[in-house]
């Protein structure tokens, strides 16, 4: 048999490295989400405490902006948790379109990626 066979999955050691990256990103994302939720809670608890010079429209706009950022963080957290499940199932880093391994560089930059650059560009 030829030893030039293409790898079909990352090794357990490599998966541990990616898991550490994901855990770090999860910690940061959860911290950021908590910050946004605290801001929204404070705005809701204190509707009369307007920032000097801000009217209701701007306050509402700010509330919408924070709500949107919180939703994005929740979405990121879900993607990162799904990536951890893929690690546990040893299918992490496999492109869902091509079935080939996603490059380590891409996974380090976007650890929850499920598409290789090649597949992403075809979309």
PDB file of N, CA and C in Angstrom:
ATOM      1  N   UNK A   1       0.838  -1.201   0.000  1.00  0.00           N
ATOM      2  CA  UNK A   1       0.000   0.000   0.000  1.00  0.00           C
ATOM      3  C   UNK A   1       0.873   1.252   0.000  1.00  0.00           C
ATOM      4  N   UNK A   2       0.444   2.245  -0.688  1.00  0.00           N
ATOM      5  CA  UNK A   2       1.159   3.510  -0.782  1.00  0.00           C
ATOM      6  C   UNK A   2       0.957   4.342   0.475  1.00  0.00           C
ATOM      7  N   UNK A   3       2.013   4.998   0.917  1.00  0.00           N
ATOM      8  CA  UNK A   3       1.944   5.841   2.112  1.00  0.00           C
ATOM      9  C   UNK A   3       1.515   7.267   1.768  1.00  0.00           C
ATOM     10  N   UNK A   4       1.239   7.533   0.500  1.00  0.00           N
ATOM     11  CA  UNK A   4       0.834   8.882   0.091  1.00  0.00           C
ATOM     12  C   UNK A   4      -0.685   9.067   0.193  1.00  0.00           C
ATOM     13  N   UNK A   5      -1.331   8.111   0.835  1.00  0.00           N
ATOM     14  CA  UNK A   5      -2.779   8.196   1.028  1.00  0.00           C
ATOM     15  C   UNK A   5      -3.143   9.471   1.769  1.00  0.00           C
ATOM     16  N   UNK A   6      -4.196  10.138   1.311  1.00  0.00           N
ATOM     17  CA  UNK A   6      -4.622  11.392   1.922  1.00  0.00           C
ATOM     18  C   UNK A   6      -5.260  11.126   3.292  1.00  0.00           C
ATOM     19  N   UNK A   7      -4.925  12.007   4.246  1.00  0.00           N
ATOM     20  CA  UNK A   7      -5.512  11.899   5.580  1.00  0.00           C
ATOM     21  C   UNK A   7      -7.013  12.149   5.504  1.00  0.00           C
ATOM     22  N   UNK A   8      -7.782  11.356   6.234  1.00  0.00           N
ATOM     23  CA  UNK A   8      -9.234  11.540   6.209  1.00  0.00           C
ATOM     24  C   UNK A   8      -9.753  12.194   7.485  1.00  0.00           C
ATOM     25  N   UNK A   9      -8.890  12.283   8.511  1.00  0.00           N
ATOM     26  CA  UNK A   9      -9.292  12.966   9.738  1.00  0.00           C
ATOM     27  C   UNK A   9      -8.050  13.422  10.492  1.00  0.00           C
ATOM     28  N   UNK A  10      -8.260  14.372  11.403  1.00  0.00           N
ATOM     29  CA  UNK A  10      -7.154  14.841  12.236  1.00  0.00           C
ATOM     30  C   UNK A  10      -6.901  13.843  13.360  1.00  0.00           C
ATOM     31  N   UNK A  11      -5.636  13.751  13.788  1.00  0.00           N
ATOM     32  CA  UNK A  11      -5.260  12.835  14.868  1.00  0.00           C
ATOM     33  C   UNK A  11      -5.847  13.325  16.189  1.00  0.00           C
ATOM     34  N   UNK A  12      -5.879  12.432  17.170  1.00  0.00           N
ATOM     35  CA  UNK A  12      -6.400  12.801  18.495  1.00  0.00           C
ATOM     36  C   UNK A  12      -5.608  13.969  19.079  1.00  0.00           C
ATOM     37  N   UNK A  13      -4.316  13.990  18.844  1.00  0.00           N
ATOM     38  CA  UNK A  13      -3.468  15.077  19.344  1.00  0.00           C
ATOM     39  C   UNK A  13      -3.856  16.406  18.685  1.00  0.00           C
ATOM     40  N   UNK A  14      -4.068  16.350  17.369  1.00  0.00           N
ATOM     41  CA  UNK A  14      -4.486  17.557  16.647  1.00  0.00           C
ATOM     42  C   UNK A  14      -5.866  18.019  17.121  1.00  0.00           C
ATOM     43  N   UNK A  15      -6.748  17.071  17.361  1.00  0.00           N
ATOM     44  CA  UNK A  15      -8.096  17.415  17.838  1.00  0.00           C
ATOM     45  C   UNK A  15      -8.030  18.092  19.211  1.00  0.00           C
ATOM     46  N   UNK A  16      -7.100  17.646  20.055  1.00  0.00           N
ATOM     47  CA  UNK A  16      -6.931  18.286  21.370  1.00  0.00           C
ATOM     48  C   UNK A  16      -6.495  19.733  21.216  1.00  0.00           C
ATOM     49  N   UNK A  17      -5.603  19.978  20.258  1.00  0.00           N
ATOM     50  CA  UNK A  17      -5.144  21.351  19.986  1.00  0.00           C
ATOM     51  C   UNK A  17      -6.333  22.230  19.564  1.00  0.00           C
ATOM     52  N   UNK A  18      -7.159  21.714  18.657  1.00  0.00           N
ATOM     53  CA  UNK A  18      -8.321  22.478  18.203  1.00  0.00           C
ATOM     54  C   UNK A  18      -9.332  22.681  19.335  1.00  0.00           C
ATOM     55  N   UNK A  19      -9.471  21.666  20.171  1.00  0.00           N
ATOM     56  CA  UNK A  19     -10.406  21.777  21.300  1.00  0.00           C
ATOM     57  C   UNK A  19      -9.973  22.894  22.254  1.00  0.00           C
ATOM     58  N   UNK A  20      -8.675  23.012  22.472  1.00  0.00           N
ATOM     59  CA  UNK A  20      -8.157  24.080  23.337  1.00  0.00           C
ATOM     60  C   UNK A  20      -8.466  25.453  22.736  1.00  0.00           C
ATOM     61  N   UNK A  21      -8.310  25.581  21.432  1.00  0.00           N
ATOM     62  CA  UNK A  21      -8.622  26.839  20.745  1.00  0.00           C
ATOM     63  C   UNK A  21     -10.111  27.158  20.906  1.00  0.00           C
ATOM     64  N   UNK A  22     -10.945  26.148  20.714  1.00  0.00           N
ATOM     65  CA  UNK A  22     -12.394  26.333  20.820  1.00  0.00           C
ATOM     66  C   UNK A  22     -12.781  26.698  22.251  1.00  0.00           C
ATOM     67  N   UNK A  23     -12.195  26.020  23.239  1.00  0.00           N
ATOM     68  CA  UNK A  23     -12.498  26.328  24.647  1.00  0.00           C
ATOM     69  C   UNK A  23     -12.165  27.784  24.974  1.00  0.00           C
ATOM     70  N   UNK A  24     -11.038  28.249  24.459  1.00  0.00           N
ATOM     71  CA  UNK A  24     -10.629  29.639  24.696  1.00  0.00           C
ATOM     72  C   UNK A  24     -11.636  30.611  24.055  1.00  0.00           C
ATOM     73  N   UNK A  25     -12.042  30.302  22.822  1.00  0.00           N
ATOM     74  CA  UNK A  25     -13.017  31.156  22.131  1.00  0.00           C
ATOM     75  C   UNK A  25     -14.377  31.106  22.830  1.00  0.00           C
ATOM     76  N   UNK A  26     -14.746  29.934  23.347  1.00  0.00           N
ATOM     77  CA  UNK A  26     -16.016  29.797  24.063  1.00  0.00           C
ATOM     78  C   UNK A  26     -16.020  30.650  25.335  1.00  0.00           C
ATOM     79  N   UNK A  27     -14.917  30.636  26.060  1.00  0.00           N
ATOM     80  CA  UNK A  27     -14.801  31.435  27.277  1.00  0.00           C
ATOM     81  C   UNK A  27     -14.988  32.912  26.952  1.00  0.00           C
ATOM     82  N   UNK A  28     -14.304  33.383  25.910  1.00  0.00           N
ATOM     83  CA  UNK A  28     -14.416  34.790  25.512  1.00  0.00           C
ATOM     84  C   UNK A  28     -15.831  35.120  25.043  1.00  0.00           C
ATOM     85  N   UNK A  29     -16.429  34.234  24.258  1.00  0.00           N
ATOM     86  CA  UNK A  29     -17.775  34.474  23.721  1.00  0.00           C
ATOM     87  C   UNK A  29     -18.806  34.513  24.847  1.00  0.00           C
ATOM     88  N   UNK A  30     -18.684  33.610  25.814  1.00  0.00           N
ATOM     89  CA  UNK A  30     -19.617  33.598  26.947  1.00  0.00           C
ATOM     90  C   UNK A  30     -19.474  34.857  27.795  1.00  0.00           C
ATOM     91  N   UNK A  31     -18.241  35.308  27.977  1.00  0.00           N
ATOM     92  CA  UNK A  31     -17.984  36.533  28.735  1.00  0.00           C
ATOM     93  C   UNK A  31     -18.606  37.731  28.023  1.00  0.00           C
ATOM     94  N   UNK A  32     -18.431  37.790  26.706  1.00  0.00           N
ATOM     95  CA  UNK A  32     -18.985  38.885  25.906  1.00  0.00           C
ATOM     96  C   UNK A  32     -20.514  38.858  25.942  1.00  0.00           C
ATOM     97  N   UNK A  33     -21.092  37.664  25.827  1.00  0.00           N
ATOM     98  CA  UNK A  33     -22.548  37.535  25.877  1.00  0.00           C
ATOM     99  C   UNK A  33     -23.081  38.019  27.222  1.00  0.00           C
ATOM    100  N   UNK A  34     -22.423  37.633  28.296  1.00  0.00           N
ATOM    101  CA  UNK A  34     -22.839  38.054  29.639  1.00  0.00           C
ATOM    102  C   UNK A  34     -22.799  39.584  29.746  1.00  0.00           C
ATOM    103  N   UNK A  35     -21.764  40.200  29.177  1.00  0.00           N
ATOM    104  CA  UNK A  35     -21.635  41.659  29.172  1.00  0.00           C
ATOM    105  C   UNK A  35     -22.832  42.299  28.457  1.00  0.00           C
ATOM    106  N   UNK A  36     -23.168  41.790  27.262  1.00  0.00           N
ATOM    107  CA  UNK A  36     -24.294  42.344  26.505  1.00  0.00           C
ATOM    108  C   UNK A  36     -25.605  42.179  27.267  1.00  0.00           C
ATOM    109  N   UNK A  37     -25.814  40.985  27.840  1.00  0.00           N
ATOM    110  CA  UNK A  37     -27.059  40.733  28.569  1.00  0.00           C
ATOM    111  C   UNK A  37     -27.177  41.630  29.803  1.00  0.00           C
ATOM    112  N   UNK A  38     -26.045  41.879  30.465  1.00  0.00           N
ATOM    113  CA  UNK A  38     -26.038  42.785  31.618  1.00  0.00           C
ATOM    114  C   UNK A  38     -26.411  44.194  31.183  1.00  0.00           C
ATOM    115  N   UNK A  39     -25.861  44.632  30.048  1.00  0.00           N
ATOM    116  CA  UNK A  39     -26.193  45.967  29.531  1.00  0.00           C
ATOM    117  C   UNK A  39     -27.690  46.076  29.232  1.00  0.00           C
ATOM    118  N   UNK A  40     -28.234  45.045  28.597  1.00  0.00           N
ATOM    119  CA  UNK A  40     -29.662  45.064  28.260  1.00  0.00           C
ATOM    120  C   UNK A  40     -30.523  45.071  29.519  1.00  0.00           C
ATOM    121  N   UNK A  41     -30.095  44.284  30.504  1.00  0.00           N
ATOM    122  CA  UNK A  41     -30.817  44.220  31.775  1.00  0.00           C
ATOM    123  C   UNK A  41     -30.820  45.590  32.460  1.00  0.00           C
ATOM    124  N   UNK A  42     -29.665  46.239  32.466  1.00  0.00           N
ATOM    125  CA  UNK A  42     -29.561  47.565  33.089  1.00  0.00           C
ATOM    126  C   UNK A  42     -30.435  48.576  32.361  1.00  0.00           C
ATOM    127  N   UNK A  43     -30.478  48.483  31.036  1.00  0.00           N
ATOM    128  CA  UNK A  43     -31.322  49.400  30.258  1.00  0.00           C
ATOM    129  C   UNK A  43     -32.808  49.156  30.569  1.00  0.00           C
ATOM    130  N   UNK A  44     -33.179  47.888  30.723  1.00  0.00           N
ATOM    131  CA  UNK A  44     -34.575  47.544  31.001  1.00  0.00           C
ATOM    132  C   UNK A  44     -34.966  47.922  32.428  1.00  0.00           C
ATOM    133  N   UNK A  45     -34.037  47.720  33.373  1.00  0.00           N
ATOM    134  CA  UNK A  45     -34.317  48.021  34.777  1.00  0.00           C
ATOM    135  C   UNK A  45     -34.372  49.511  35.054  1.00  0.00           C
ATOM    136  N   UNK A  46     -33.735  50.296  34.222  1.00  0.00           N
ATOM    137  CA  UNK A  46     -33.602  51.728  34.475  1.00  0.00           C
ATOM    138  C   UNK A  46     -34.021  52.554  33.258  1.00  0.00           C
ATOM    139  N   UNK A  47     -35.286  52.454  32.843  1.00  0.00           N
ATOM    140  CA  UNK A  47     -35.684  53.158  31.633  1.00  0.00           C
ATOM    141  C   UNK A  47     -35.606  54.685  31.762  1.00  0.00           C
ATOM    142  N   UNK A  48     -35.637  55.204  32.989  1.00  0.00           N
ATOM    143  CA  UNK A  48     -35.580  56.653  33.189  1.00  0.00           C
ATOM    144  C   UNK A  48     -34.156  57.189  33.172  1.00  0.00           C
ATOM    145  N   UNK A  49     -33.186  56.328  33.388  1.00  0.00           N
ATOM    146  CA  UNK A  49     -31.785  56.775  33.452  1.00  0.00           C
ATOM    147  C   UNK A  49     -31.234  56.877  32.035  1.00  0.00           C
ATOM    148  N   UNK A  50     -31.587  57.945  31.373  1.00  0.00           N
ATOM    149  CA  UNK A  50     -31.121  58.160  30.003  1.00  0.00           C
ATOM    150  C   UNK A  50     -29.749  58.810  30.030  1.00  0.00           C
ATOM    151  N   UNK A  51     -28.949  58.406  29.079  1.00  0.00           N
ATOM    152  CA  UNK A  51     -27.654  59.041  28.934  1.00  0.00           C
ATOM    153  C   UNK A  51     -27.925  60.475  28.488  1.00  0.00           C
ATOM    154  N   UNK A  52     -27.212  61.412  29.085  1.00  0.00           N
ATOM    155  CA  UNK A  52     -27.413  62.834  28.771  1.00  0.00           C
ATOM    156  C   UNK A  52     -27.395  63.063  27.270  1.00  0.00           C
ATOM    157  N   UNK A  53     -28.439  63.700  26.788  1.00  0.00           N
ATOM    158  CA  UNK A  53     -28.474  64.056  25.376  1.00  0.00           C
ATOM    159  C   UNK A  53     -29.079  62.991  24.483  1.00  0.00           C
ATOM    160  N   UNK A  54     -29.335  61.802  25.006  1.00  0.00           N
ATOM    161  CA  UNK A  54     -29.914  60.745  24.179  1.00  0.00           C
ATOM    162  C   UNK A  54     -31.424  60.764  24.332  1.00  0.00           C
ATOM    163  N   UNK A  55     -32.126  60.715  23.215  1.00  0.00           N
ATOM    164  CA  UNK A  55     -33.577  60.647  23.306  1.00  0.00           C
ATOM    165  C   UNK A  55     -34.005  59.185  23.208  1.00  0.00           C
ATOM    166  N   UNK A  56     -35.309  58.942  23.262  1.00  0.00           N
ATOM    167  CA  UNK A  56     -35.818  57.568  23.239  1.00  0.00           C
ATOM    168  C   UNK A  56     -35.424  56.815  21.976  1.00  0.00           C
ATOM    169  N   UNK A  57     -35.390  57.518  20.856  1.00  0.00           N
ATOM    170  CA  UNK A  57     -35.032  56.873  19.596  1.00  0.00           C
ATOM    171  C   UNK A  57     -33.629  56.331  19.610  1.00  0.00           C
ATOM    172  N   UNK A  58     -32.697  57.115  20.117  1.00  0.00           N
ATOM    173  CA  UNK A  58     -31.301  56.678  20.173  1.00  0.00           C
ATOM    174  C   UNK A  58     -31.156  55.547  21.194  1.00  0.00           C
ATOM    175  N   UNK A  59     -31.853  55.673  22.311  1.00  0.00           N
ATOM    176  CA  UNK A  59     -31.810  54.615  23.329  1.00  0.00           C
ATOM    177  C   UNK A  59     -32.345  53.307  22.784  1.00  0.00           C
ATOM    178  N   UNK A  60     -33.416  53.390  22.008  1.00  0.00           N
ATOM    179  CA  UNK A  60     -34.007  52.210  21.389  1.00  0.00           C
ATOM    180  C   UNK A  60     -33.058  51.615  20.349  1.00  0.00           C
ATOM    181  N   UNK A  61     -32.416  52.489  19.601  1.00  0.00           N
ATOM    182  CA  UNK A  61     -31.447  52.052  18.603  1.00  0.00           C
ATOM    183  C   UNK A  61     -30.280  51.316  19.277  1.00  0.00           C
ATOM    184  N   UNK A  62     -29.813  51.868  20.397  1.00  0.00           N
ATOM    185  CA  UNK A  62     -28.712  51.242  21.149  1.00  0.00           C
ATOM    186  C   UNK A  62     -29.146  49.880  21.694  1.00  0.00           C
ATOM    187  N   UNK A  63     -30.358  49.807  22.201  1.00  0.00           N
ATOM    188  CA  UNK A  63     -30.892  48.549  22.716  1.00  0.00           C
ATOM    189  C   UNK A  63     -30.957  47.507  21.597  1.00  0.00           C
ATOM    190  N   UNK A  64     -31.418  47.912  20.421  1.00  0.00           N
ATOM    191  CA  UNK A  64     -31.486  47.003  19.267  1.00  0.00           C
ATOM    192  C   UNK A  64     -30.093  46.530  18.860  1.00  0.00           C
ATOM    193  N   UNK A  65     -29.133  47.441  18.890  1.00  0.00           N
ATOM    194  CA  UNK A  65     -27.750  47.114  18.514  1.00  0.00           C
ATOM    195  C   UNK A  65     -27.168  46.071  19.481  1.00  0.00           C
ATOM    196  N   UNK A  66     -27.387  46.288  20.783  1.00  0.00           N
ATOM    197  CA  UNK A  66     -26.859  45.352  21.785  1.00  0.00           C
ATOM    198  C   UNK A  66     -27.567  44.004  21.666  1.00  0.00           C
ATOM    199  N   UNK A  67     -28.875  44.036  21.416  1.00  0.00           N
ATOM    200  CA  UNK A  67     -29.637  42.789  21.244  1.00  0.00           C
ATOM    201  C   UNK A  67     -29.086  42.002  20.056  1.00  0.00           C
ATOM    202  N   UNK A  68     -28.784  42.698  18.975  1.00  0.00           N
ATOM    203  CA  UNK A  68     -28.234  42.059  17.784  1.00  0.00           C
ATOM    204  C   UNK A  68     -26.856  41.447  18.074  1.00  0.00           C
ATOM    205  N   UNK A  69     -26.022  42.176  18.805  1.00  0.00           N
ATOM    206  CA  UNK A  69     -24.685  41.663  19.142  1.00  0.00           C
ATOM    207  C   UNK A  69     -24.792  40.451  20.077  1.00  0.00           C
ATOM    208  N   UNK A  70     -25.748  40.483  20.997  1.00  0.00           N
ATOM    209  CA  UNK A  70     -25.949  39.346  21.899  1.00  0.00           C
ATOM    210  C   UNK A  70     -26.393  38.120  21.103  1.00  0.00           C
ATOM    211  N   UNK A  71     -27.279  38.324  20.141  1.00  0.00           N
ATOM    212  CA  UNK A  71     -27.746  37.214  19.301  1.00  0.00           C
ATOM    213  C   UNK A  71     -26.591  36.619  18.498  1.00  0.00           C
ATOM    214  N   UNK A  72     -25.720  37.485  17.992  1.00  0.00           N
ATOM    215  CA  UNK A  72     -24.551  36.994  17.243  1.00  0.00           C
ATOM    216  C   UNK A  72     -23.640  36.158  18.145  1.00  0.00           C
ATOM    217  N   UNK A  73     -23.460  36.599  19.386  1.00  0.00           N
ATOM    218  CA  UNK A  73     -22.621  35.845  20.332  1.00  0.00           C
ATOM    219  C   UNK A  73     -23.251  34.494  20.631  1.00  0.00           C
ATOM    220  N   UNK A  74     -24.575  34.467  20.823  1.00  0.00           N
ATOM    221  CA  UNK A  74     -25.266  33.200  21.091  1.00  0.00           C
ATOM    222  C   UNK A  74     -25.088  32.245  19.913  1.00  0.00           C
ATOM    223  N   UNK A  75     -25.165  32.791  18.714  1.00  0.00           N
ATOM    224  CA  UNK A  75     -24.983  31.998  17.502  1.00  0.00           C
ATOM    225  C   UNK A  75     -23.560  31.435  17.441  1.00  0.00           C
ATOM    226  N   UNK A  76     -22.570  32.275  17.739  1.00  0.00           N
ATOM    227  CA  UNK A  76     -21.172  31.836  17.752  1.00  0.00           C
ATOM    228  C   UNK A  76     -20.967  30.731  18.787  1.00  0.00           C
ATOM    229  N   UNK A  77     -21.526  30.915  19.976  1.00  0.00           N
ATOM    230  CA  UNK A  77     -21.399  29.916  21.041  1.00  0.00           C
ATOM    231  C   UNK A  77     -21.976  28.577  20.579  1.00  0.00           C
ATOM    232  N   UNK A  78     -23.134  28.611  19.919  1.00  0.00           N
ATOM    233  CA  UNK A  78     -23.747  27.374  19.419  1.00  0.00           C
ATOM    234  C   UNK A  78     -22.843  26.697  18.390  1.00  0.00           C
ATOM    235  N   UNK A  79     -22.272  27.489  17.475  1.00  0.00           N
ATOM    236  CA  UNK A  79     -21.360  26.927  16.462  1.00  0.00           C
ATOM    237  C   UNK A  79     -20.123  26.298  17.122  1.00  0.00           C
ATOM    238  N   UNK A  80     -19.580  26.965  18.130  1.00  0.00           N
ATOM    239  CA  UNK A  80     -18.397  26.439  18.824  1.00  0.00           C
ATOM    240  C   UNK A  80     -18.740  25.156  19.586  1.00  0.00           C
ATOM    241  N   UNK A  81     -19.911  25.121  20.216  1.00  0.00           N
ATOM    242  CA  UNK A  81     -20.322  23.901  20.931  1.00  0.00           C
ATOM    243  C   UNK A  81     -20.545  22.749  19.950  1.00  0.00           C
ATOM    244  N   UNK A  82     -21.102  23.067  18.776  1.00  0.00           N
ATOM    245  CA  UNK A  82     -21.265  22.031  17.745  1.00  0.00           C
ATOM    246  C   UNK A  82     -19.905  21.510  17.278  1.00  0.00           C
ATOM    247  N   UNK A  83     -18.922  22.405  17.182  1.00  0.00           N
ATOM    248  CA  UNK A  83     -17.569  21.991  16.792  1.00  0.00           C
ATOM    249  C   UNK A  83     -16.993  21.024  17.823  1.00  0.00           C
ATOM    250  N   UNK A  84     -17.265  21.288  19.112  1.00  0.00           N
ATOM    251  CA  UNK A  84     -16.778  20.374  20.164  1.00  0.00           C
ATOM    252  C   UNK A  84     -17.414  18.994  20.027  1.00  0.00           C
ATOM    253  N   UNK A  85     -18.667  18.945  19.611  1.00  0.00           N
ATOM    254  CA  UNK A  85     -19.339  17.654  19.381  1.00  0.00           C
ATOM    255  C   UNK A  85     -18.663  16.930  18.221  1.00  0.00           C
ATOM    256  N   UNK A  86     -18.311  17.689  17.169  1.00  0.00           N
ATOM    257  CA  UNK A  86     -17.615  17.067  16.030  1.00  0.00           C
ATOM    258  C   UNK A  86     -16.249  16.530  16.461  1.00  0.00           C
ATOM    259  N   UNK A  87     -15.583  17.239  17.363  1.00  0.00           N
ATOM    260  CA  UNK A  87     -14.294  16.749  17.875  1.00  0.00           C
ATOM    261  C   UNK A  87     -14.517  15.434  18.613  1.00  0.00           C
ATOM    262  N   UNK A  88     -15.516  15.413  19.483  1.00  0.00           N
ATOM    263  CA  UNK A  88     -15.821  14.207  20.265  1.00  0.00           C
ATOM    264  C   UNK A  88     -16.118  13.022  19.336  1.00  0.00           C
ATOM    265  N   UNK A  89     -16.801  13.302  18.226  1.00  0.00           N
ATOM    266  CA  UNK A  89     -17.152  12.251  17.260  1.00  0.00           C
ATOM    267  C   UNK A  89     -16.048  11.991  16.231  1.00  0.00           C
ATOM    268  N   UNK A  90     -14.930  12.730  16.383  1.00  0.00           N
ATOM    269  CA  UNK A  90     -13.745  12.583  15.524  1.00  0.00           C
ATOM    270  C   UNK A  90     -14.031  12.877  14.052  1.00  0.00           C
ATOM    271  N   UNK A  91     -14.961  13.790  13.802  1.00  0.00           N
ATOM    272  CA  UNK A  91     -15.249  14.203  12.432  1.00  0.00           C
ATOM    273  C   UNK A  91     -14.945  15.686  12.252  1.00  0.00           C
ATOM    274  N   UNK A  92     -14.327  16.280  13.255  1.00  0.00           N
ATOM    275  CA  UNK A  92     -13.991  17.705  13.212  1.00  0.00           C
ATOM    276  C   UNK A  92     -12.976  17.980  12.107  1.00  0.00           C
ATOM    277  N   UNK A  93     -13.186  19.079  11.394  1.00  0.00           N
ATOM    278  CA  UNK A  93     -12.219  19.495  10.381  1.00  0.00           C
ATOM    279  C   UNK A  93     -12.430  18.872   9.020  1.00  0.00           C
ATOM    280  N   UNK A  94     -13.512  18.104   8.865  1.00  0.00           N
ATOM    281  CA  UNK A  94     -13.816  17.494   7.577  1.00  0.00           C
ATOM    282  C   UNK A  94     -14.859  18.369   6.886  1.00  0.00           C
ATOM    283  N   UNK A  95     -14.554  18.819   5.678  1.00  0.00           N
ATOM    284  CA  UNK A  95     -15.470  19.678   4.916  1.00  0.00           C
ATOM    285  C   UNK A  95     -16.758  18.915   4.626  1.00  0.00           C
ATOM    286  N   UNK A  96     -17.890  19.560   4.917  1.00  0.00           N
ATOM    287  CA  UNK A  96     -19.175  18.883   4.708  1.00  0.00           C
ATOM    288  C   UNK A  96     -19.565  18.817   3.234  1.00  0.00           C
ATOM    289  N   UNK A  97     -18.871  19.554   2.379  1.00  0.00           N
ATOM    290  CA  UNK A  97     -19.141  19.520   0.931  1.00  0.00           C
ATOM    291  C   UNK A  97     -18.219  18.551   0.206  1.00  0.00           C
ATOM    292  N   UNK A  98     -16.911  18.695   0.456  1.00  0.00           N
ATOM    293  CA  UNK A  98     -15.923  17.911  -0.305  1.00  0.00           C
ATOM    294  C   UNK A  98     -15.517  16.617   0.400  1.00  0.00           C
ATOM    295  N   UNK A  99     -15.701  16.557   1.723  1.00  0.00           N
ATOM    296  CA  UNK A  99     -15.272  15.386   2.484  1.00  0.00           C
ATOM    297  C   UNK A  99     -13.779  15.376   2.775  1.00  0.00           C
ATOM    298  N   UNK A 100     -13.074  16.428   2.315  1.00  0.00           N
ATOM    299  CA  UNK A 100     -11.637  16.529   2.546  1.00  0.00           C
ATOM    300  C   UNK A 100     -11.382  17.323   3.822  1.00  0.00           C
ATOM    301  N   UNK A 101     -10.150  17.217   4.326  1.00  0.00           N
ATOM    302  CA  UNK A 101      -9.804  17.962   5.530  1.00  0.00           C
ATOM    303  C   UNK A 101      -9.732  19.460   5.242  1.00  0.00           C
ATOM    304  N   UNK A 102     -10.287  20.240   6.153  1.00  0.00           N
ATOM    305  CA  UNK A 102     -10.184  21.694   6.092  1.00  0.00           C
ATOM    306  C   UNK A 102      -8.781  22.033   6.601  1.00  0.00           C
ATOM    307  N   UNK A 103      -8.137  23.010   5.985  1.00  0.00           N
ATOM    308  CA  UNK A 103      -6.764  23.335   6.368  1.00  0.00           C
ATOM    309  C   UNK A 103      -6.688  23.774   7.832  1.00  0.00           C
ATOM    310  N   UNK A 104      -5.552  23.440   8.454  1.00  0.00           N
ATOM    311  CA  UNK A 104      -5.335  23.833   9.855  1.00  0.00           C
ATOM    312  C   UNK A 104      -5.385  25.344  10.012  1.00  0.00           C
ATOM    313  N   UNK A 105      -4.844  26.058   9.031  1.00  0.00           N
ATOM    314  CA  UNK A 105      -4.831  27.525   9.091  1.00  0.00           C
ATOM    315  C   UNK A 105      -6.252  28.063   9.173  1.00  0.00           C
ATOM    316  N   UNK A 106      -7.137  27.517   8.353  1.00  0.00           N
ATOM    317  CA  UNK A 106      -8.541  27.956   8.364  1.00  0.00           C
ATOM    318  C   UNK A 106      -9.190  27.621   9.698  1.00  0.00           C
ATOM    319  N   UNK A 107      -8.943  26.430  10.201  1.00  0.00           N
ATOM    320  CA  UNK A 107      -9.560  26.019  11.469  1.00  0.00           C
ATOM    321  C   UNK A 107      -9.029  26.822  12.652  1.00  0.00           C
ATOM    322  N   UNK A 108      -7.768  27.225  12.584  1.00  0.00           N
ATOM    323  CA  UNK A 108      -7.228  28.066  13.663  1.00  0.00           C
ATOM    324  C   UNK A 108      -7.881  29.444  13.636  1.00  0.00           C
ATOM    325  N   UNK A 109      -8.171  29.946  12.431  1.00  0.00           N
ATOM    326  CA  UNK A 109      -8.804  31.265  12.286  1.00  0.00           C
ATOM    327  C   UNK A 109     -10.306  31.195  12.572  1.00  0.00           C
ATOM    328  N   UNK A 110     -10.958  30.146  12.082  1.00  0.00           N
ATOM    329  CA  UNK A 110     -12.405  29.971  12.246  1.00  0.00           C
ATOM    330  C   UNK A 110     -12.630  28.533  12.730  1.00  0.00           C
ATOM    331  N   UNK A 111     -12.461  28.292  14.038  1.00  0.00           N
ATOM    332  CA  UNK A 111     -12.489  26.918  14.540  1.00  0.00           C
ATOM    333  C   UNK A 111     -13.826  26.187  14.384  1.00  0.00           C
ATOM    334  N   UNK A 112     -14.892  26.920  14.088  1.00  0.00           N
ATOM    335  CA  UNK A 112     -16.181  26.263  13.897  1.00  0.00           C
ATOM    336  C   UNK A 112     -16.512  26.043  12.418  1.00  0.00           C
ATOM    337  N   UNK A 113     -15.530  26.277  11.538  1.00  0.00           N
ATOM    338  CA  UNK A 113     -15.748  26.117  10.094  1.00  0.00           C
ATOM    339  C   UNK A 113     -16.137  24.678   9.760  1.00  0.00           C
ATOM    340  N   UNK A 114     -17.094  24.549   8.834  1.00  0.00           N
ATOM    341  CA  UNK A 114     -17.493  23.218   8.361  1.00  0.00           C
ATOM    342  C   UNK A 114     -17.264  23.082   6.853  1.00  0.00           C
ATOM    343  N   UNK A 115     -16.754  24.172   6.266  1.00  0.00           N
ATOM    344  CA  UNK A 115     -16.456  24.150   4.830  1.00  0.00           C
ATOM    345  C   UNK A 115     -15.004  24.539   4.598  1.00  0.00           C
ATOM    346  N   UNK A 116     -14.376  23.881   3.632  1.00  0.00           N
ATOM    347  CA  UNK A 116     -13.023  24.275   3.233  1.00  0.00           C
ATOM    348  C   UNK A 116     -13.137  25.592   2.461  1.00  0.00           C
ATOM    349  N   UNK A 117     -12.015  26.260   2.273  1.00  0.00           N
ATOM    350  CA  UNK A 117     -12.000  27.516   1.492  1.00  0.00           C
ATOM    351  C   UNK A 117     -12.564  27.230   0.102  1.00  0.00           C
ATOM    352  N   UNK A 118     -12.143  26.113  -0.483  1.00  0.00           N
ATOM    353  CA  UNK A 118     -12.577  25.716  -1.825  1.00  0.00           C
ATOM    354  C   UNK A 118     -14.109  25.619  -1.887  1.00  0.00           C
ATOM    355  N   UNK A 119     -14.716  24.935  -0.934  1.00  0.00           N
ATOM    356  CA  UNK A 119     -16.166  24.776  -0.911  1.00  0.00           C
ATOM    357  C   UNK A 119     -16.873  26.102  -0.628  1.00  0.00           C
ATOM    358  N   UNK A 120     -16.294  26.896   0.254  1.00  0.00           N
ATOM    359  CA  UNK A 120     -16.872  28.199   0.613  1.00  0.00           C
ATOM    360  C   UNK A 120     -16.896  29.114  -0.607  1.00  0.00           C
ATOM    361  N   UNK A 121     -15.835  29.092  -1.412  1.00  0.00           N
ATOM    362  CA  UNK A 121     -15.763  29.955  -2.596  1.00  0.00           C
ATOM    363  C   UNK A 121     -16.783  29.544  -3.670  1.00  0.00           C
ATOM    364  N   UNK A 122     -17.157  28.264  -3.685  1.00  0.00           N
ATOM    365  CA  UNK A 122     -18.134  27.778  -4.673  1.00  0.00           C
ATOM    366  C   UNK A 122     -19.551  28.221  -4.317  1.00  0.00           C
ATOM    367  N   UNK A 123     -19.785  28.583  -3.080  1.00  0.00           N
ATOM    368  CA  UNK A 123     -21.135  28.964  -2.642  1.00  0.00           C
ATOM    369  C   UNK A 123     -21.608  30.249  -3.251  1.00  0.00           C
TER     370      UNK A 123
END
